[in-house]
Amino acid sequence: MEKARVVTEAGYLATATNYRHNWHADVGEAAGGEDTAPNPEEMLLGSLGSCTVQTMHMYANRKGWDLQRVEVDLEMDKVKAADVEDYDGDAKFINFITKQIRLHGDLTDDQRERIMTIGTKCPVHRIISSPTTRVEQTLLETEGA
């Protein structure tokens, strides 16, 4: 089971830990933060991109293919659901994430196609695109409350 703890004090700078590593998230100055770290949405894109390139490299390495470098540029945009032709749910907005990928190395077209398919099977991609992902929230009592 993967775990993390995130704490913030008076401001918006959040410190996350998995008890081995620490990292930070902030919001931009326009939103009241100090822009000292990526915002949470950027961190989500970074997680998806990292997982994608690592999965691609692991697969290519197992196959003995010459994948030397992978570059992934990611963007996320929120679109009005009414403007999405094939959407028929209740949401007002749909989040679109685009990945533009460059594969470097001496690879055949078939190898490139297979690596691209494998990239959509990374754990983070599966989590954020799955209709079976659920997030539960519980309020815990604090000391002295």
C-alpha atoms as a PDB file:
ATOM      1  CA  MET A   1       0.000   0.000   0.000  1.00  0.00           C
ATOM      2  CA  GLU A   2       1.345   3.405  -0.962  1.00  0.00           C
ATOM      3  CA  LYS A   3       1.156   6.143   1.689  1.00  0.00           C
ATOM      4  CA  ALA A   4       1.895   9.827   2.005  1.00  0.00           C
ATOM      5  CA  ARG A   5       1.258  12.522   4.585  1.00  0.00           C
ATOM      6  CA  VAL A   6       0.809  16.173   3.638  1.00  0.00           C
ATOM      7  CA  VAL A   7       0.964  19.060   6.143  1.00  0.00           C
ATOM      8  CA  THR A   8       0.524  22.785   5.747  1.00  0.00           C
ATOM      9  CA  GLU A   9       0.861  25.531   8.320  1.00  0.00           C
ATOM     10  CA  ALA A  10      -0.660  29.025   7.995  1.00  0.00           C
ATOM     11  CA  GLY A  11       0.153  29.484   4.297  1.00  0.00           C
ATOM     12  CA  TYR A  12      -0.382  27.384   1.194  1.00  0.00           C
ATOM     13  CA  LEU A  13       3.034  25.700   1.069  1.00  0.00           C
ATOM     14  CA  ALA A  14       2.376  22.005   1.629  1.00  0.00           C
ATOM     15  CA  THR A  15       5.041  19.543   2.706  1.00  0.00           C
ATOM     16  CA  ALA A  16       4.476  15.947   1.694  1.00  0.00           C
ATOM     17  CA  THR A  17       6.364  12.920   2.964  1.00  0.00           C
ATOM     18  CA  ASN A  18       6.292   9.185   2.422  1.00  0.00           C
ATOM     19  CA  TYR A  19       8.628   8.786   5.426  1.00  0.00           C
ATOM     20  CA  ARG A  20      11.622   8.357   3.080  1.00  0.00           C
ATOM     21  CA  HIS A  21      11.364  11.484   0.934  1.00  0.00           C
ATOM     22  CA  ASN A  22       9.939  14.974   1.318  1.00  0.00           C
ATOM     23  CA  TRP A  23       8.522  17.199  -1.423  1.00  0.00           C
ATOM     24  CA  HIS A  24       6.544  20.411  -1.605  1.00  0.00           C
ATOM     25  CA  ALA A  25       3.551  21.910  -3.375  1.00  0.00           C
ATOM     26  CA  ASP A  26       2.502  25.559  -3.472  1.00  0.00           C
ATOM     27  CA  VAL A  27       0.120  27.725  -5.417  1.00  0.00           C
ATOM     28  CA  GLY A  28       0.940  30.724  -7.561  1.00  0.00           C
ATOM     29  CA  GLU A  29       1.054  34.264  -6.267  1.00  0.00           C
ATOM     30  CA  ALA A  30      -2.207  35.111  -8.048  1.00  0.00           C
ATOM     31  CA  ALA A  31      -3.933  32.483  -5.879  1.00  0.00           C
ATOM     32  CA  GLY A  32      -2.324  33.754  -2.664  1.00  0.00           C
ATOM     33  CA  GLY A  33       0.675  31.437  -2.550  1.00  0.00           C
ATOM     34  CA  GLU A  34       4.351  32.175  -3.011  1.00  0.00           C
ATOM     35  CA  ASP A  35       4.959  29.960  -6.070  1.00  0.00           C
ATOM     36  CA  THR A  36       7.892  28.233  -4.347  1.00  0.00           C
ATOM     37  CA  ALA A  37       7.021  24.780  -5.682  1.00  0.00           C
ATOM     38  CA  PRO A  38       4.822  23.175  -8.345  1.00  0.00           C
ATOM     39  CA  ASN A  39       1.091  23.395  -7.767  1.00  0.00           C
ATOM     40  CA  PRO A  40      -0.847  20.161  -7.140  1.00  0.00           C
ATOM     41  CA  GLU A  41      -2.074  19.921 -10.726  1.00  0.00           C
ATOM     42  CA  GLU A  42       1.484  20.248 -12.033  1.00  0.00           C
ATOM     43  CA  MET A  43       2.546  17.545  -9.596  1.00  0.00           C
ATOM     44  CA  LEU A  44      -0.199  15.286 -10.947  1.00  0.00           C
ATOM     45  CA  LEU A  45       1.069  15.845 -14.488  1.00  0.00           C
ATOM     46  CA  GLY A  46       4.619  15.189 -13.293  1.00  0.00           C
ATOM     47  CA  SER A  47       3.505  11.936 -11.665  1.00  0.00           C
ATOM     48  CA  LEU A  48       1.738  10.817 -14.824  1.00  0.00           C
ATOM     49  CA  GLY A  49       4.711  11.759 -17.005  1.00  0.00           C
ATOM     50  CA  SER A  50       7.215  10.072 -14.697  1.00  0.00           C
ATOM     51  CA  CYS A  51       5.181   6.900 -14.536  1.00  0.00           C
ATOM     52  CA  THR A  52       4.736   6.889 -18.323  1.00  0.00           C
ATOM     53  CA  VAL A  53       8.446   7.218 -19.170  1.00  0.00           C
ATOM     54  CA  GLN A  54       9.511   4.737 -16.484  1.00  0.00           C
ATOM     55  CA  THR A  55       7.006   2.158 -17.728  1.00  0.00           C
ATOM     56  CA  MET A  56       8.161   2.661 -21.321  1.00  0.00           C
ATOM     57  CA  HIS A  57      11.819   2.236 -20.345  1.00  0.00           C
ATOM     58  CA  MET A  58      11.119  -0.865 -18.236  1.00  0.00           C
ATOM     59  CA  TYR A  59       9.285  -2.502 -21.132  1.00  0.00           C
ATOM     60  CA  ALA A  60      11.915  -1.588 -23.728  1.00  0.00           C
ATOM     61  CA  ASN A  61      14.698  -2.803 -21.422  1.00  0.00           C
ATOM     62  CA  ARG A  62      12.954  -6.172 -20.934  1.00  0.00           C
ATOM     63  CA  LYS A  63      12.622  -6.506 -24.710  1.00  0.00           C
ATOM     64  CA  GLY A  64      16.230  -5.431 -25.331  1.00  0.00           C
ATOM     65  CA  TRP A  65      15.107  -2.513 -27.519  1.00  0.00           C
ATOM     66  CA  ASP A  66      17.231   0.583 -28.115  1.00  0.00           C
ATOM     67  CA  LEU A  67      15.087   3.136 -26.278  1.00  0.00           C
ATOM     68  CA  GLN A  68      17.624   5.759 -25.243  1.00  0.00           C
ATOM     69  CA  ARG A  69      15.446   8.649 -24.102  1.00  0.00           C
ATOM     70  CA  VAL A  70      11.773   9.514 -23.681  1.00  0.00           C
ATOM     71  CA  GLU A  71      10.393  13.047 -23.497  1.00  0.00           C
ATOM     72  CA  VAL A  72       6.787  13.678 -22.482  1.00  0.00           C
ATOM     73  CA  ASP A  73       5.146  17.100 -22.496  1.00  0.00           C
ATOM     74  CA  LEU A  74       1.871  17.146 -20.594  1.00  0.00           C
ATOM     75  CA  GLU A  75      -0.946  19.675 -20.414  1.00  0.00           C
ATOM     76  CA  MET A  76      -4.257  19.659 -18.601  1.00  0.00           C
ATOM     77  CA  ASP A  77      -7.232  21.733 -19.659  1.00  0.00           C
ATOM     78  CA  LYS A  78     -10.731  22.031 -18.241  1.00  0.00           C
ATOM     79  CA  VAL A  79     -13.472  22.112 -20.893  1.00  0.00           C
ATOM     80  CA  LYS A  80     -17.210  22.693 -20.518  1.00  0.00           C
ATOM     81  CA  ALA A  81     -18.903  19.303 -20.650  1.00  0.00           C
ATOM     82  CA  ALA A  82     -21.558  20.706 -22.984  1.00  0.00           C
ATOM     83  CA  ASP A  83     -18.787  21.309 -25.551  1.00  0.00           C
ATOM     84  CA  VAL A  84     -17.705  17.635 -25.538  1.00  0.00           C
ATOM     85  CA  GLU A  85     -19.789  15.781 -28.127  1.00  0.00           C
ATOM     86  CA  ASP A  86     -19.384  12.248 -26.797  1.00  0.00           C
ATOM     87  CA  TYR A  87     -19.956  13.080 -23.095  1.00  0.00           C
ATOM     88  CA  ASP A  88     -23.378  12.385 -21.609  1.00  0.00           C
ATOM     89  CA  GLY A  89     -22.764  12.557 -17.845  1.00  0.00           C
ATOM     90  CA  ASP A  90     -23.697  15.096 -15.158  1.00  0.00           C
ATOM     91  CA  ALA A  91     -20.367  16.917 -14.785  1.00  0.00           C
ATOM     92  CA  LYS A  92     -20.155  20.580 -15.751  1.00  0.00           C
ATOM     93  CA  PHE A  93     -16.518  20.295 -16.804  1.00  0.00           C
ATOM     94  CA  ILE A  94     -14.260  17.613 -18.271  1.00  0.00           C
ATOM     95  CA  ASN A  95     -10.517  17.538 -17.621  1.00  0.00           C
ATOM     96  CA  PHE A  96      -8.442  16.734 -20.693  1.00  0.00           C
ATOM     97  CA  ILE A  97      -4.836  15.647 -20.253  1.00  0.00           C
ATOM     98  CA  THR A  98      -2.681  15.532 -23.354  1.00  0.00           C
ATOM     99  CA  LYS A  99       0.681  13.797 -23.602  1.00  0.00           C
ATOM    100  CA  GLN A 100       3.061  14.562 -26.445  1.00  0.00           C
ATOM    101  CA  ILE A 101       5.778  11.926 -26.538  1.00  0.00           C
ATOM    102  CA  ARG A 102       9.159  11.703 -28.241  1.00  0.00           C
ATOM    103  CA  LEU A 103      10.913   8.340 -28.342  1.00  0.00           C
ATOM    104  CA  HIS A 104      14.660   8.475 -29.019  1.00  0.00           C
ATOM    105  CA  GLY A 105      16.608   5.448 -30.148  1.00  0.00           C
ATOM    106  CA  ASP A 106      16.954   3.035 -33.023  1.00  0.00           C
ATOM    107  CA  LEU A 107      13.392   1.645 -32.941  1.00  0.00           C
ATOM    108  CA  THR A 108      11.167   0.119 -35.607  1.00  0.00           C
ATOM    109  CA  ASP A 109       7.677   1.499 -36.219  1.00  0.00           C
ATOM    110  CA  ASP A 110       6.210  -1.599 -34.543  1.00  0.00           C
ATOM    111  CA  GLN A 111       8.420  -1.091 -31.480  1.00  0.00           C
ATOM    112  CA  ARG A 112       7.403   2.583 -31.251  1.00  0.00           C
ATOM    113  CA  GLU A 113       3.722   1.667 -31.499  1.00  0.00           C
ATOM    114  CA  ARG A 114       4.066  -1.002 -28.794  1.00  0.00           C
ATOM    115  CA  ILE A 115       5.969   1.351 -26.463  1.00  0.00           C
ATOM    116  CA  MET A 116       3.227   3.976 -26.916  1.00  0.00           C
ATOM    117  CA  THR A 117       0.569   1.403 -26.011  1.00  0.00           C
ATOM    118  CA  ILE A 118       2.540   0.308 -22.940  1.00  0.00           C
ATOM    119  CA  GLY A 119       2.781   3.955 -21.834  1.00  0.00           C
ATOM    120  CA  THR A 120      -0.996   4.043 -21.344  1.00  0.00           C
ATOM    121  CA  LYS A 121      -0.749   1.090 -18.981  1.00  0.00           C
ATOM    122  CA  CYS A 122       1.429   2.727 -16.341  1.00  0.00           C
ATOM    123  CA  PRO A 123      -0.081   2.608 -12.829  1.00  0.00           C
ATOM    124  CA  VAL A 124      -0.760   6.359 -12.559  1.00  0.00           C
ATOM    125  CA  HIS A 125      -2.491   6.451 -15.968  1.00  0.00           C
ATOM    126  CA  ARG A 126      -4.684   3.542 -14.912  1.00  0.00           C
ATOM    127  CA  ILE A 127      -5.550   5.160 -11.572  1.00  0.00           C
ATOM    128  CA  ILE A 128      -6.560   8.562 -12.924  1.00  0.00           C
ATOM    129  CA  SER A 129      -8.448   7.205 -15.946  1.00  0.00           C
ATOM    130  CA  SER A 130     -10.304   4.412 -14.157  1.00  0.00           C
ATOM    131  CA  PRO A 131     -14.006   4.699 -13.387  1.00  0.00           C
ATOM    132  CA  THR A 132     -13.295   2.397 -10.446  1.00  0.00           C
ATOM    133  CA  THR A 133     -11.053   4.883  -8.639  1.00  0.00           C
ATOM    134  CA  ARG A 134     -12.708   6.261  -5.530  1.00  0.00           C
ATOM    135  CA  VAL A 135     -11.447   8.826  -3.039  1.00  0.00           C
ATOM    136  CA  GLU A 136     -12.839   8.638   0.485  1.00  0.00           C
ATOM    137  CA  GLN A 137     -12.456  11.429   3.027  1.00  0.00           C
ATOM    138  CA  THR A 138     -12.737  11.172   6.828  1.00  0.00           C
ATOM    139  CA  LEU A 139     -12.520  13.963   9.409  1.00  0.00           C
ATOM    140  CA  LEU A 140     -10.407  12.973  12.419  1.00  0.00           C
ATOM    141  CA  GLU A 141     -10.571  14.676  15.801  1.00  0.00           C
ATOM    142  CA  THR A 142      -7.586  16.808  16.831  1.00  0.00           C
ATOM    143  CA  GLU A 143      -6.096  16.955  20.287  1.00  0.00           C
ATOM    144  CA  GLY A 144      -7.755  19.542  22.487  1.00  0.00           C
ATOM    145  CA  ALA A 145     -10.819  19.845  20.249  1.00  0.00           C
END
